[in-house]
PDBML (XML) file of the C-alpha atoms, coordinates in Angstrom:
<?xml version="1.0" encoding="UTF-8" ?>
<PDBx:datablock datablockName="MODEL"
   xmlns:PDBx="http://pdbml.pdb.org/schema/pdbx-v50.xsd"
   xmlns:xsi="http://www.w3.org/2001/XMLSchema-instance"
   xsi:schemaLocation="http://pdbml.pdb.org/schema/pdbx-v50.xsd pdbx-v50.xsd">
   <PDBx:atom_siteCategory>
      <PDBx:atom_site id="1">
         <PDBx:B_iso_or_equiv>0.00</PDBx:B_iso_or_equiv>
         <PDBx:Cartn_x>80.836</PDBx:Cartn_x>
         <PDBx:Cartn_y>-198.639</PDBx:Cartn_y>
         <PDBx:Cartn_z>-161.036</PDBx:Cartn_z>
         <PDBx:auth_asym_id>A</PDBx:auth_asym_id>
         <PDBx:auth_atom_id>CA</PDBx:auth_atom_id>
         <PDBx:auth_comp_id>GLU</PDBx:auth_comp_id>
         <PDBx:auth_seq_id>1</PDBx:auth_seq_id>
         <PDBx:group_PDB>ATOM</PDBx:group_PDB>
         <PDBx:label_alt_id xsi:nil="true" />
         <PDBx:label_asym_id>A</PDBx:label_asym_id>
         <PDBx:label_atom_id>CA</PDBx:label_atom_id>
         <PDBx:label_comp_id>GLU</PDBx:label_comp_id>
         <PDBx:label_entity_id>1</PDBx:label_entity_id>
         <PDBx:label_seq_id>1</PDBx:label_seq_id>
         <PDBx:occupancy>1.00</PDBx:occupancy>
         <PDBx:pdbx_PDB_model_num>1</PDBx:pdbx_PDB_model_num>
         <PDBx:type_symbol>C</PDBx:type_symbol>
      </PDBx:atom_site>
      <PDBx:atom_site id="2">
         <PDBx:B_iso_or_equiv>0.00</PDBx:B_iso_or_equiv>
         <PDBx:Cartn_x>83.094</PDBx:Cartn_x>
         <PDBx:Cartn_y>-196.000</PDBx:Cartn_y>
         <PDBx:Cartn_z>-159.855</PDBx:Cartn_z>
         <PDBx:auth_asym_id>A</PDBx:auth_asym_id>
         <PDBx:auth_atom_id>CA</PDBx:auth_atom_id>
         <PDBx:auth_comp_id>ASP</PDBx:auth_comp_id>
         <PDBx:auth_seq_id>2</PDBx:auth_seq_id>
         <PDBx:group_PDB>ATOM</PDBx:group_PDB>
         <PDBx:label_alt_id xsi:nil="true" />
         <PDBx:label_asym_id>A</PDBx:label_asym_id>
         <PDBx:label_atom_id>CA</PDBx:label_atom_id>
         <PDBx:label_comp_id>ASP</PDBx:label_comp_id>
         <PDBx:label_entity_id>1</PDBx:label_entity_id>
         <PDBx:label_seq_id>2</PDBx:label_seq_id>
         <PDBx:occupancy>1.00</PDBx:occupancy>
         <PDBx:pdbx_PDB_model_num>1</PDBx:pdbx_PDB_model_num>
         <PDBx:type_symbol>C</PDBx:type_symbol>
      </PDBx:atom_site>
      <PDBx:atom_site id="3">
         <PDBx:B_iso_or_equiv>0.00</PDBx:B_iso_or_equiv>
         <PDBx:Cartn_x>86.421</PDBx:Cartn_x>
         <PDBx:Cartn_y>-196.691</PDBx:Cartn_y>
         <PDBx:Cartn_z>-158.374</PDBx:Cartn_z>
         <PDBx:auth_asym_id>A</PDBx:auth_asym_id>
         <PDBx:auth_atom_id>CA</PDBx:auth_atom_id>
         <PDBx:auth_comp_id>LEU</PDBx:auth_comp_id>
         <PDBx:auth_seq_id>3</PDBx:auth_seq_id>
         <PDBx:group_PDB>ATOM</PDBx:group_PDB>
         <PDBx:label_alt_id xsi:nil="true" />
         <PDBx:label_asym_id>A</PDBx:label_asym_id>
         <PDBx:label_atom_id>CA</PDBx:label_atom_id>
         <PDBx:label_comp_id>LEU</PDBx:label_comp_id>
         <PDBx:label_entity_id>1</PDBx:label_entity_id>
         <PDBx:label_seq_id>3</PDBx:label_seq_id>
         <PDBx:occupancy>1.00</PDBx:occupancy>
         <PDBx:pdbx_PDB_model_num>1</PDBx:pdbx_PDB_model_num>
         <PDBx:type_symbol>C</PDBx:type_symbol>
      </PDBx:atom_site>
      <PDBx:atom_site id="4">
         <PDBx:B_iso_or_equiv>0.00</PDBx:B_iso_or_equiv>
         <PDBx:Cartn_x>88.586</PDBx:Cartn_x>
         <PDBx:Cartn_y>-194.035</PDBx:Cartn_y>
         <PDBx:Cartn_z>-156.823</PDBx:Cartn_z>
         <PDBx:auth_asym_id>A</PDBx:auth_asym_id>
         <PDBx:auth_atom_id>CA</PDBx:auth_atom_id>
         <PDBx:auth_comp_id>GLU</PDBx:auth_comp_id>
         <PDBx:auth_seq_id>4</PDBx:auth_seq_id>
         <PDBx:group_PDB>ATOM</PDBx:group_PDB>
         <PDBx:label_alt_id xsi:nil="true" />
         <PDBx:label_asym_id>A</PDBx:label_asym_id>
         <PDBx:label_atom_id>CA</PDBx:label_atom_id>
         <PDBx:label_comp_id>GLU</PDBx:label_comp_id>
         <PDBx:label_entity_id>1</PDBx:label_entity_id>
         <PDBx:label_seq_id>4</PDBx:label_seq_id>
         <PDBx:occupancy>1.00</PDBx:occupancy>
         <PDBx:pdbx_PDB_model_num>1</PDBx:pdbx_PDB_model_num>
         <PDBx:type_symbol>C</PDBx:type_symbol>
      </PDBx:atom_site>
      <PDBx:atom_site id="5">
         <PDBx:B_iso_or_equiv>0.00</PDBx:B_iso_or_equiv>
         <PDBx:Cartn_x>92.375</PDBx:Cartn_x>
         <PDBx:Cartn_y>-194.526</PDBx:Cartn_y>
         <PDBx:Cartn_z>-155.940</PDBx:Cartn_z>
         <PDBx:auth_asym_id>A</PDBx:auth_asym_id>
         <PDBx:auth_atom_id>CA</PDBx:auth_atom_id>
         <PDBx:auth_comp_id>MET</PDBx:auth_comp_id>
         <PDBx:auth_seq_id>5</PDBx:auth_seq_id>
         <PDBx:group_PDB>ATOM</PDBx:group_PDB>
         <PDBx:label_alt_id xsi:nil="true" />
         <PDBx:label_asym_id>A</PDBx:label_asym_id>
         <PDBx:label_atom_id>CA</PDBx:label_atom_id>
         <PDBx:label_comp_id>MET</PDBx:label_comp_id>
         <PDBx:label_entity_id>1</PDBx:label_entity_id>
         <PDBx:label_seq_id>5</PDBx:label_seq_id>
         <PDBx:occupancy>1.00</PDBx:occupancy>
         <PDBx:pdbx_PDB_model_num>1</PDBx:pdbx_PDB_model_num>
         <PDBx:type_symbol>C</PDBx:type_symbol>
      </PDBx:atom_site>
      <PDBx:atom_site id="6">
         <PDBx:B_iso_or_equiv>0.00</PDBx:B_iso_or_equiv>
         <PDBx:Cartn_x>94.936</PDBx:Cartn_x>
         <PDBx:Cartn_y>-192.271</PDBx:Cartn_y>
         <PDBx:Cartn_z>-154.451</PDBx:Cartn_z>
         <PDBx:auth_asym_id>A</PDBx:auth_asym_id>
         <PDBx:auth_atom_id>CA</PDBx:auth_atom_id>
         <PDBx:auth_comp_id>SER</PDBx:auth_comp_id>
         <PDBx:auth_seq_id>6</PDBx:auth_seq_id>
         <PDBx:group_PDB>ATOM</PDBx:group_PDB>
         <PDBx:label_alt_id xsi:nil="true" />
         <PDBx:label_asym_id>A</PDBx:label_asym_id>
         <PDBx:label_atom_id>CA</PDBx:label_atom_id>
         <PDBx:label_comp_id>SER</PDBx:label_comp_id>
         <PDBx:label_entity_id>1</PDBx:label_entity_id>
         <PDBx:label_seq_id>6</PDBx:label_seq_id>
         <PDBx:occupancy>1.00</PDBx:occupancy>
         <PDBx:pdbx_PDB_model_num>1</PDBx:pdbx_PDB_model_num>
         <PDBx:type_symbol>C</PDBx:type_symbol>
      </PDBx:atom_site>
      <PDBx:atom_site id="7">
         <PDBx:B_iso_or_equiv>0.00</PDBx:B_iso_or_equiv>
         <PDBx:Cartn_x>98.581</PDBx:Cartn_x>
         <PDBx:Cartn_y>-192.644</PDBx:Cartn_y>
         <PDBx:Cartn_z>-154.009</PDBx:Cartn_z>
         <PDBx:auth_asym_id>A</PDBx:auth_asym_id>
         <PDBx:auth_atom_id>CA</PDBx:auth_atom_id>
         <PDBx:auth_comp_id>GLY</PDBx:auth_comp_id>
         <PDBx:auth_seq_id>7</PDBx:auth_seq_id>
         <PDBx:group_PDB>ATOM</PDBx:group_PDB>
         <PDBx:label_alt_id xsi:nil="true" />
         <PDBx:label_asym_id>A</PDBx:label_asym_id>
         <PDBx:label_atom_id>CA</PDBx:label_atom_id>
         <PDBx:label_comp_id>GLY</PDBx:label_comp_id>
         <PDBx:label_entity_id>1</PDBx:label_entity_id>
         <PDBx:label_seq_id>7</PDBx:label_seq_id>
         <PDBx:occupancy>1.00</PDBx:occupancy>
         <PDBx:pdbx_PDB_model_num>1</PDBx:pdbx_PDB_model_num>
         <PDBx:type_symbol>C</PDBx:type_symbol>
      </PDBx:atom_site>
      <PDBx:atom_site id="8">
         <PDBx:B_iso_or_equiv>0.00</PDBx:B_iso_or_equiv>
         <PDBx:Cartn_x>101.647</PDBx:Cartn_x>
         <PDBx:Cartn_y>-190.365</PDBx:Cartn_y>
         <PDBx:Cartn_z>-153.140</PDBx:Cartn_z>
         <PDBx:auth_asym_id>A</PDBx:auth_asym_id>
         <PDBx:auth_atom_id>CA</PDBx:auth_atom_id>
         <PDBx:auth_comp_id>PHE</PDBx:auth_comp_id>
         <PDBx:auth_seq_id>8</PDBx:auth_seq_id>
         <PDBx:group_PDB>ATOM</PDBx:group_PDB>
         <PDBx:label_alt_id xsi:nil="true" />
         <PDBx:label_asym_id>A</PDBx:label_asym_id>
         <PDBx:label_atom_id>CA</PDBx:label_atom_id>
         <PDBx:label_comp_id>PHE</PDBx:label_comp_id>
         <PDBx:label_entity_id>1</PDBx:label_entity_id>
         <PDBx:label_seq_id>8</PDBx:label_seq_id>
         <PDBx:occupancy>1.00</PDBx:occupancy>
         <PDBx:pdbx_PDB_model_num>1</PDBx:pdbx_PDB_model_num>
         <PDBx:type_symbol>C</PDBx:type_symbol>
      </PDBx:atom_site>
      <PDBx:atom_site id="9">
         <PDBx:B_iso_or_equiv>0.00</PDBx:B_iso_or_equiv>
         <PDBx:Cartn_x>101.718</PDBx:Cartn_x>
         <PDBx:Cartn_y>-188.252</PDBx:Cartn_y>
         <PDBx:Cartn_z>-156.250</PDBx:Cartn_z>
         <PDBx:auth_asym_id>A</PDBx:auth_asym_id>
         <PDBx:auth_atom_id>CA</PDBx:auth_atom_id>
         <PDBx:auth_comp_id>GLY</PDBx:auth_comp_id>
         <PDBx:auth_seq_id>9</PDBx:auth_seq_id>
         <PDBx:group_PDB>ATOM</PDBx:group_PDB>
         <PDBx:label_alt_id xsi:nil="true" />
         <PDBx:label_asym_id>A</PDBx:label_asym_id>
         <PDBx:label_atom_id>CA</PDBx:label_atom_id>
         <PDBx:label_comp_id>GLY</PDBx:label_comp_id>
         <PDBx:label_entity_id>1</PDBx:label_entity_id>
         <PDBx:label_seq_id>9</PDBx:label_seq_id>
         <PDBx:occupancy>1.00</PDBx:occupancy>
         <PDBx:pdbx_PDB_model_num>1</PDBx:pdbx_PDB_model_num>
         <PDBx:type_symbol>C</PDBx:type_symbol>
      </PDBx:atom_site>
      <PDBx:atom_site id="10">
         <PDBx:B_iso_or_equiv>0.00</PDBx:B_iso_or_equiv>
         <PDBx:Cartn_x>98.304</PDBx:Cartn_x>
         <PDBx:Cartn_y>-189.130</PDBx:Cartn_y>
         <PDBx:Cartn_z>-158.041</PDBx:Cartn_z>
         <PDBx:auth_asym_id>A</PDBx:auth_asym_id>
         <PDBx:auth_atom_id>CA</PDBx:auth_atom_id>
         <PDBx:auth_comp_id>ILE</PDBx:auth_comp_id>
         <PDBx:auth_seq_id>10</PDBx:auth_seq_id>
         <PDBx:group_PDB>ATOM</PDBx:group_PDB>
         <PDBx:label_alt_id xsi:nil="true" />
         <PDBx:label_asym_id>A</PDBx:label_asym_id>
         <PDBx:label_atom_id>CA</PDBx:label_atom_id>
         <PDBx:label_comp_id>ILE</PDBx:label_comp_id>
         <PDBx:label_entity_id>1</PDBx:label_entity_id>
         <PDBx:label_seq_id>10</PDBx:label_seq_id>
         <PDBx:occupancy>1.00</PDBx:occupancy>
         <PDBx:pdbx_PDB_model_num>1</PDBx:pdbx_PDB_model_num>
         <PDBx:type_symbol>C</PDBx:type_symbol>
      </PDBx:atom_site>
      <PDBx:atom_site id="11">
         <PDBx:B_iso_or_equiv>0.00</PDBx:B_iso_or_equiv>
         <PDBx:Cartn_x>94.553</PDBx:Cartn_x>
         <PDBx:Cartn_y>-189.593</PDBx:Cartn_y>
         <PDBx:Cartn_z>-157.499</PDBx:Cartn_z>
         <PDBx:auth_asym_id>A</PDBx:auth_asym_id>
         <PDBx:auth_atom_id>CA</PDBx:auth_atom_id>
         <PDBx:auth_comp_id>SER</PDBx:auth_comp_id>
         <PDBx:auth_seq_id>11</PDBx:auth_seq_id>
         <PDBx:group_PDB>ATOM</PDBx:group_PDB>
         <PDBx:label_alt_id xsi:nil="true" />
         <PDBx:label_asym_id>A</PDBx:label_asym_id>
         <PDBx:label_atom_id>CA</PDBx:label_atom_id>
         <PDBx:label_comp_id>SER</PDBx:label_comp_id>
         <PDBx:label_entity_id>1</PDBx:label_entity_id>
         <PDBx:label_seq_id>11</PDBx:label_seq_id>
         <PDBx:occupancy>1.00</PDBx:occupancy>
         <PDBx:pdbx_PDB_model_num>1</PDBx:pdbx_PDB_model_num>
         <PDBx:type_symbol>C</PDBx:type_symbol>
      </PDBx:atom_site>
      <PDBx:atom_site id="12">
         <PDBx:B_iso_or_equiv>0.00</PDBx:B_iso_or_equiv>
         <PDBx:Cartn_x>92.618</PDBx:Cartn_x>
         <PDBx:Cartn_y>-191.443</PDBx:Cartn_y>
         <PDBx:Cartn_z>-160.131</PDBx:Cartn_z>
         <PDBx:auth_asym_id>A</PDBx:auth_asym_id>
         <PDBx:auth_atom_id>CA</PDBx:auth_atom_id>
         <PDBx:auth_comp_id>HIS</PDBx:auth_comp_id>
         <PDBx:auth_seq_id>12</PDBx:auth_seq_id>
         <PDBx:group_PDB>ATOM</PDBx:group_PDB>
         <PDBx:label_alt_id xsi:nil="true" />
         <PDBx:label_asym_id>A</PDBx:label_asym_id>
         <PDBx:label_atom_id>CA</PDBx:label_atom_id>
         <PDBx:label_comp_id>HIS</PDBx:label_comp_id>
         <PDBx:label_entity_id>1</PDBx:label_entity_id>
         <PDBx:label_seq_id>12</PDBx:label_seq_id>
         <PDBx:occupancy>1.00</PDBx:occupancy>
         <PDBx:pdbx_PDB_model_num>1</PDBx:pdbx_PDB_model_num>
         <PDBx:type_symbol>C</PDBx:type_symbol>
      </PDBx:atom_site>
      <PDBx:atom_site id="13">
         <PDBx:B_iso_or_equiv>0.00</PDBx:B_iso_or_equiv>
         <PDBx:Cartn_x>88.815</PDBx:Cartn_x>
         <PDBx:Cartn_y>-191.798</PDBx:Cartn_y>
         <PDBx:Cartn_z>-160.732</PDBx:Cartn_z>
         <PDBx:auth_asym_id>A</PDBx:auth_asym_id>
         <PDBx:auth_atom_id>CA</PDBx:auth_atom_id>
         <PDBx:auth_comp_id>THR</PDBx:auth_comp_id>
         <PDBx:auth_seq_id>13</PDBx:auth_seq_id>
         <PDBx:group_PDB>ATOM</PDBx:group_PDB>
         <PDBx:label_alt_id xsi:nil="true" />
         <PDBx:label_asym_id>A</PDBx:label_asym_id>
         <PDBx:label_atom_id>CA</PDBx:label_atom_id>
         <PDBx:label_comp_id>THR</PDBx:label_comp_id>
         <PDBx:label_entity_id>1</PDBx:label_entity_id>
         <PDBx:label_seq_id>13</PDBx:label_seq_id>
         <PDBx:occupancy>1.00</PDBx:occupancy>
         <PDBx:pdbx_PDB_model_num>1</PDBx:pdbx_PDB_model_num>
         <PDBx:type_symbol>C</PDBx:type_symbol>
      </PDBx:atom_site>
      <PDBx:atom_site id="14">
         <PDBx:B_iso_or_equiv>0.00</PDBx:B_iso_or_equiv>
         <PDBx:Cartn_x>87.758</PDBx:Cartn_x>
         <PDBx:Cartn_y>-194.612</PDBx:Cartn_y>
         <PDBx:Cartn_z>-162.999</PDBx:Cartn_z>
         <PDBx:auth_asym_id>A</PDBx:auth_asym_id>
         <PDBx:auth_atom_id>CA</PDBx:auth_atom_id>
         <PDBx:auth_comp_id>VAL</PDBx:auth_comp_id>
         <PDBx:auth_seq_id>14</PDBx:auth_seq_id>
         <PDBx:group_PDB>ATOM</PDBx:group_PDB>
         <PDBx:label_alt_id xsi:nil="true" />
         <PDBx:label_asym_id>A</PDBx:label_asym_id>
         <PDBx:label_atom_id>CA</PDBx:label_atom_id>
         <PDBx:label_comp_id>VAL</PDBx:label_comp_id>
         <PDBx:label_entity_id>1</PDBx:label_entity_id>
         <PDBx:label_seq_id>14</PDBx:label_seq_id>
         <PDBx:occupancy>1.00</PDBx:occupancy>
         <PDBx:pdbx_PDB_model_num>1</PDBx:pdbx_PDB_model_num>
         <PDBx:type_symbol>C</PDBx:type_symbol>
      </PDBx:atom_site>
      <PDBx:atom_site id="15">
         <PDBx:B_iso_or_equiv>0.00</PDBx:B_iso_or_equiv>
         <PDBx:Cartn_x>84.158</PDBx:Cartn_x>
         <PDBx:Cartn_y>-195.143</PDBx:Cartn_y>
         <PDBx:Cartn_z>-164.276</PDBx:Cartn_z>
         <PDBx:auth_asym_id>A</PDBx:auth_asym_id>
         <PDBx:auth_atom_id>CA</PDBx:auth_atom_id>
         <PDBx:auth_comp_id>LYS</PDBx:auth_comp_id>
         <PDBx:auth_seq_id>15</PDBx:auth_seq_id>
         <PDBx:group_PDB>ATOM</PDBx:group_PDB>
         <PDBx:label_alt_id xsi:nil="true" />
         <PDBx:label_asym_id>A</PDBx:label_asym_id>
         <PDBx:label_atom_id>CA</PDBx:label_atom_id>
         <PDBx:label_comp_id>LYS</PDBx:label_comp_id>
         <PDBx:label_entity_id>1</PDBx:label_entity_id>
         <PDBx:label_seq_id>15</PDBx:label_seq_id>
         <PDBx:occupancy>1.00</PDBx:occupancy>
         <PDBx:pdbx_PDB_model_num>1</PDBx:pdbx_PDB_model_num>
         <PDBx:type_symbol>C</PDBx:type_symbol>
      </PDBx:atom_site>
      <PDBx:atom_site id="16">
         <PDBx:B_iso_or_equiv>0.00</PDBx:B_iso_or_equiv>
         <PDBx:Cartn_x>83.316</PDBx:Cartn_x>
         <PDBx:Cartn_y>-198.189</PDBx:Cartn_y>
         <PDBx:Cartn_z>-166.274</PDBx:Cartn_z>
         <PDBx:auth_asym_id>A</PDBx:auth_asym_id>
         <PDBx:auth_atom_id>CA</PDBx:auth_atom_id>
         <PDBx:auth_comp_id>TYR</PDBx:auth_comp_id>
         <PDBx:auth_seq_id>16</PDBx:auth_seq_id>
         <PDBx:group_PDB>ATOM</PDBx:group_PDB>
         <PDBx:label_alt_id xsi:nil="true" />
         <PDBx:label_asym_id>A</PDBx:label_asym_id>
         <PDBx:label_atom_id>CA</PDBx:label_atom_id>
         <PDBx:label_comp_id>TYR</PDBx:label_comp_id>
         <PDBx:label_entity_id>1</PDBx:label_entity_id>
         <PDBx:label_seq_id>16</PDBx:label_seq_id>
         <PDBx:occupancy>1.00</PDBx:occupancy>
         <PDBx:pdbx_PDB_model_num>1</PDBx:pdbx_PDB_model_num>
         <PDBx:type_symbol>C</PDBx:type_symbol>
      </PDBx:atom_site>
      <PDBx:atom_site id="17">
         <PDBx:B_iso_or_equiv>0.00</PDBx:B_iso_or_equiv>
         <PDBx:Cartn_x>80.076</PDBx:Cartn_x>
         <PDBx:Cartn_y>-200.132</PDBx:Cartn_y>
         <PDBx:Cartn_z>-166.879</PDBx:Cartn_z>
         <PDBx:auth_asym_id>A</PDBx:auth_asym_id>
         <PDBx:auth_atom_id>CA</PDBx:auth_atom_id>
         <PDBx:auth_comp_id>GLY</PDBx:auth_comp_id>
         <PDBx:auth_seq_id>17</PDBx:auth_seq_id>
         <PDBx:group_PDB>ATOM</PDBx:group_PDB>
         <PDBx:label_alt_id xsi:nil="true" />
         <PDBx:label_asym_id>A</PDBx:label_asym_id>
         <PDBx:label_atom_id>CA</PDBx:label_atom_id>
         <PDBx:label_comp_id>GLY</PDBx:label_comp_id>
         <PDBx:label_entity_id>1</PDBx:label_entity_id>
         <PDBx:label_seq_id>17</PDBx:label_seq_id>
         <PDBx:occupancy>1.00</PDBx:occupancy>
         <PDBx:pdbx_PDB_model_num>1</PDBx:pdbx_PDB_model_num>
         <PDBx:type_symbol>C</PDBx:type_symbol>
      </PDBx:atom_site>
      <PDBx:atom_site id="18">
         <PDBx:B_iso_or_equiv>0.00</PDBx:B_iso_or_equiv>
         <PDBx:Cartn_x>77.642</PDBx:Cartn_x>
         <PDBx:Cartn_y>-201.120</PDBx:Cartn_y>
         <PDBx:Cartn_z>-169.647</PDBx:Cartn_z>
         <PDBx:auth_asym_id>A</PDBx:auth_asym_id>
         <PDBx:auth_atom_id>CA</PDBx:auth_atom_id>
         <PDBx:auth_comp_id>VAL</PDBx:auth_comp_id>
         <PDBx:auth_seq_id>18</PDBx:auth_seq_id>
         <PDBx:group_PDB>ATOM</PDBx:group_PDB>
         <PDBx:label_alt_id xsi:nil="true" />
         <PDBx:label_asym_id>A</PDBx:label_asym_id>
         <PDBx:label_atom_id>CA</PDBx:label_atom_id>
         <PDBx:label_comp_id>VAL</PDBx:label_comp_id>
         <PDBx:label_entity_id>1</PDBx:label_entity_id>
         <PDBx:label_seq_id>18</PDBx:label_seq_id>
         <PDBx:occupancy>1.00</PDBx:occupancy>
         <PDBx:pdbx_PDB_model_num>1</PDBx:pdbx_PDB_model_num>
         <PDBx:type_symbol>C</PDBx:type_symbol>
      </PDBx:atom_site>
      <PDBx:atom_site id="19">
         <PDBx:B_iso_or_equiv>0.00</PDBx:B_iso_or_equiv>
         <PDBx:Cartn_x>75.168</PDBx:Cartn_x>
         <PDBx:Cartn_y>-198.633</PDBx:Cartn_y>
         <PDBx:Cartn_z>-171.255</PDBx:Cartn_z>
         <PDBx:auth_asym_id>A</PDBx:auth_asym_id>
         <PDBx:auth_atom_id>CA</PDBx:auth_atom_id>
         <PDBx:auth_comp_id>ASP</PDBx:auth_comp_id>
         <PDBx:auth_seq_id>19</PDBx:auth_seq_id>
         <PDBx:group_PDB>ATOM</PDBx:group_PDB>
         <PDBx:label_alt_id xsi:nil="true" />
         <PDBx:label_asym_id>A</PDBx:label_asym_id>
         <PDBx:label_atom_id>CA</PDBx:label_atom_id>
         <PDBx:label_comp_id>ASP</PDBx:label_comp_id>
         <PDBx:label_entity_id>1</PDBx:label_entity_id>
         <PDBx:label_seq_id>19</PDBx:label_seq_id>
         <PDBx:occupancy>1.00</PDBx:occupancy>
         <PDBx:pdbx_PDB_model_num>1</PDBx:pdbx_PDB_model_num>
         <PDBx:type_symbol>C</PDBx:type_symbol>
      </PDBx:atom_site>
      <PDBx:atom_site id="20">
         <PDBx:B_iso_or_equiv>0.00</PDBx:B_iso_or_equiv>
         <PDBx:Cartn_x>71.683</PDBx:Cartn_x>
         <PDBx:Cartn_y>-199.100</PDBx:Cartn_y>
         <PDBx:Cartn_z>-172.404</PDBx:Cartn_z>
         <PDBx:auth_asym_id>A</PDBx:auth_asym_id>
         <PDBx:auth_atom_id>CA</PDBx:auth_atom_id>
         <PDBx:auth_comp_id>GLU</PDBx:auth_comp_id>
         <PDBx:auth_seq_id>20</PDBx:auth_seq_id>
         <PDBx:group_PDB>ATOM</PDBx:group_PDB>
         <PDBx:label_alt_id xsi:nil="true" />
         <PDBx:label_asym_id>A</PDBx:label_asym_id>
         <PDBx:label_atom_id>CA</PDBx:label_atom_id>
         <PDBx:label_comp_id>GLU</PDBx:label_comp_id>
         <PDBx:label_entity_id>1</PDBx:label_entity_id>
         <PDBx:label_seq_id>20</PDBx:label_seq_id>
         <PDBx:occupancy>1.00</PDBx:occupancy>
         <PDBx:pdbx_PDB_model_num>1</PDBx:pdbx_PDB_model_num>
         <PDBx:type_symbol>C</PDBx:type_symbol>
      </PDBx:atom_site>
      <PDBx:atom_site id="21">
         <PDBx:B_iso_or_equiv>0.00</PDBx:B_iso_or_equiv>
         <PDBx:Cartn_x>73.032</PDBx:Cartn_x>
         <PDBx:Cartn_y>-200.070</PDBx:Cartn_y>
         <PDBx:Cartn_z>-175.942</PDBx:Cartn_z>
         <PDBx:auth_asym_id>A</PDBx:auth_asym_id>
         <PDBx:auth_atom_id>CA</PDBx:auth_atom_id>
         <PDBx:auth_comp_id>ASN</PDBx:auth_comp_id>
         <PDBx:auth_seq_id>21</PDBx:auth_seq_id>
         <PDBx:group_PDB>ATOM</PDBx:group_PDB>
         <PDBx:label_alt_id xsi:nil="true" />
         <PDBx:label_asym_id>A</PDBx:label_asym_id>
         <PDBx:label_atom_id>CA</PDBx:label_atom_id>
         <PDBx:label_comp_id>ASN</PDBx:label_comp_id>
         <PDBx:label_entity_id>1</PDBx:label_entity_id>
         <PDBx:label_seq_id>21</PDBx:label_seq_id>
         <PDBx:occupancy>1.00</PDBx:occupancy>
         <PDBx:pdbx_PDB_model_num>1</PDBx:pdbx_PDB_model_num>
         <PDBx:type_symbol>C</PDBx:type_symbol>
      </PDBx:atom_site>
      <PDBx:atom_site id="22">
         <PDBx:B_iso_or_equiv>0.00</PDBx:B_iso_or_equiv>
         <PDBx:Cartn_x>74.846</PDBx:Cartn_x>
         <PDBx:Cartn_y>-203.054</PDBx:Cartn_y>
         <PDBx:Cartn_z>-174.327</PDBx:Cartn_z>
         <PDBx:auth_asym_id>A</PDBx:auth_asym_id>
         <PDBx:auth_atom_id>CA</PDBx:auth_atom_id>
         <PDBx:auth_comp_id>GLY</PDBx:auth_comp_id>
         <PDBx:auth_seq_id>22</PDBx:auth_seq_id>
         <PDBx:group_PDB>ATOM</PDBx:group_PDB>
         <PDBx:label_alt_id xsi:nil="true" />
         <PDBx:label_asym_id>A</PDBx:label_asym_id>
         <PDBx:label_atom_id>CA</PDBx:label_atom_id>
         <PDBx:label_comp_id>GLY</PDBx:label_comp_id>
         <PDBx:label_entity_id>1</PDBx:label_entity_id>
         <PDBx:label_seq_id>22</PDBx:label_seq_id>
         <PDBx:occupancy>1.00</PDBx:occupancy>
         <PDBx:pdbx_PDB_model_num>1</PDBx:pdbx_PDB_model_num>
         <PDBx:type_symbol>C</PDBx:type_symbol>
      </PDBx:atom_site>
      <PDBx:atom_site id="23">
         <PDBx:B_iso_or_equiv>0.00</PDBx:B_iso_or_equiv>
         <PDBx:Cartn_x>78.200</PDBx:Cartn_x>
         <PDBx:Cartn_y>-201.153</PDBx:Cartn_y>
         <PDBx:Cartn_z>-174.938</PDBx:Cartn_z>
         <PDBx:auth_asym_id>A</PDBx:auth_asym_id>
         <PDBx:auth_atom_id>CA</PDBx:auth_atom_id>
         <PDBx:auth_comp_id>THR</PDBx:auth_comp_id>
         <PDBx:auth_seq_id>23</PDBx:auth_seq_id>
         <PDBx:group_PDB>ATOM</PDBx:group_PDB>
         <PDBx:label_alt_id xsi:nil="true" />
         <PDBx:label_asym_id>A</PDBx:label_asym_id>
         <PDBx:label_atom_id>CA</PDBx:label_atom_id>
         <PDBx:label_comp_id>THR</PDBx:label_comp_id>
         <PDBx:label_entity_id>1</PDBx:label_entity_id>
         <PDBx:label_seq_id>23</PDBx:label_seq_id>
         <PDBx:occupancy>1.00</PDBx:occupancy>
         <PDBx:pdbx_PDB_model_num>1</PDBx:pdbx_PDB_model_num>
         <PDBx:type_symbol>C</PDBx:type_symbol>
      </PDBx:atom_site>
      <PDBx:atom_site id="24">
         <PDBx:B_iso_or_equiv>0.00</PDBx:B_iso_or_equiv>
         <PDBx:Cartn_x>81.090</PDBx:Cartn_x>
         <PDBx:Cartn_y>-201.408</PDBx:Cartn_y>
         <PDBx:Cartn_z>-172.395</PDBx:Cartn_z>
         <PDBx:auth_asym_id>A</PDBx:auth_asym_id>
         <PDBx:auth_atom_id>CA</PDBx:auth_atom_id>
         <PDBx:auth_comp_id>PHE</PDBx:auth_comp_id>
         <PDBx:auth_seq_id>24</PDBx:auth_seq_id>
         <PDBx:group_PDB>ATOM</PDBx:group_PDB>
         <PDBx:label_alt_id xsi:nil="true" />
         <PDBx:label_asym_id>A</PDBx:label_asym_id>
         <PDBx:label_atom_id>CA</PDBx:label_atom_id>
         <PDBx:label_comp_id>PHE</PDBx:label_comp_id>
         <PDBx:label_entity_id>1</PDBx:label_entity_id>
         <PDBx:label_seq_id>24</PDBx:label_seq_id>
         <PDBx:occupancy>1.00</PDBx:occupancy>
         <PDBx:pdbx_PDB_model_num>1</PDBx:pdbx_PDB_model_num>
         <PDBx:type_symbol>C</PDBx:type_symbol>
      </PDBx:atom_site>
      <PDBx:atom_site id="25">
         <PDBx:B_iso_or_equiv>0.00</PDBx:B_iso_or_equiv>
         <PDBx:Cartn_x>82.588</PDBx:Cartn_x>
         <PDBx:Cartn_y>-198.032</PDBx:Cartn_y>
         <PDBx:Cartn_z>-171.698</PDBx:Cartn_z>
         <PDBx:auth_asym_id>A</PDBx:auth_asym_id>
         <PDBx:auth_atom_id>CA</PDBx:auth_atom_id>
         <PDBx:auth_comp_id>PHE</PDBx:auth_comp_id>
         <PDBx:auth_seq_id>25</PDBx:auth_seq_id>
         <PDBx:group_PDB>ATOM</PDBx:group_PDB>
         <PDBx:label_alt_id xsi:nil="true" />
         <PDBx:label_asym_id>A</PDBx:label_asym_id>
         <PDBx:label_atom_id>CA</PDBx:label_atom_id>
         <PDBx:label_comp_id>PHE</PDBx:label_comp_id>
         <PDBx:label_entity_id>1</PDBx:label_entity_id>
         <PDBx:label_seq_id>25</PDBx:label_seq_id>
         <PDBx:occupancy>1.00</PDBx:occupancy>
         <PDBx:pdbx_PDB_model_num>1</PDBx:pdbx_PDB_model_num>
         <PDBx:type_symbol>C</PDBx:type_symbol>
      </PDBx:atom_site>
   </PDBx:atom_siteCategory>
</PDBx:datablock>
């Protein structure tokens, strides 16, 4: 999943998920 957030002084992109090994990243 990708999540993008923006505020007054910062923008932030977060990517998270489960890869093919079953590991959360």
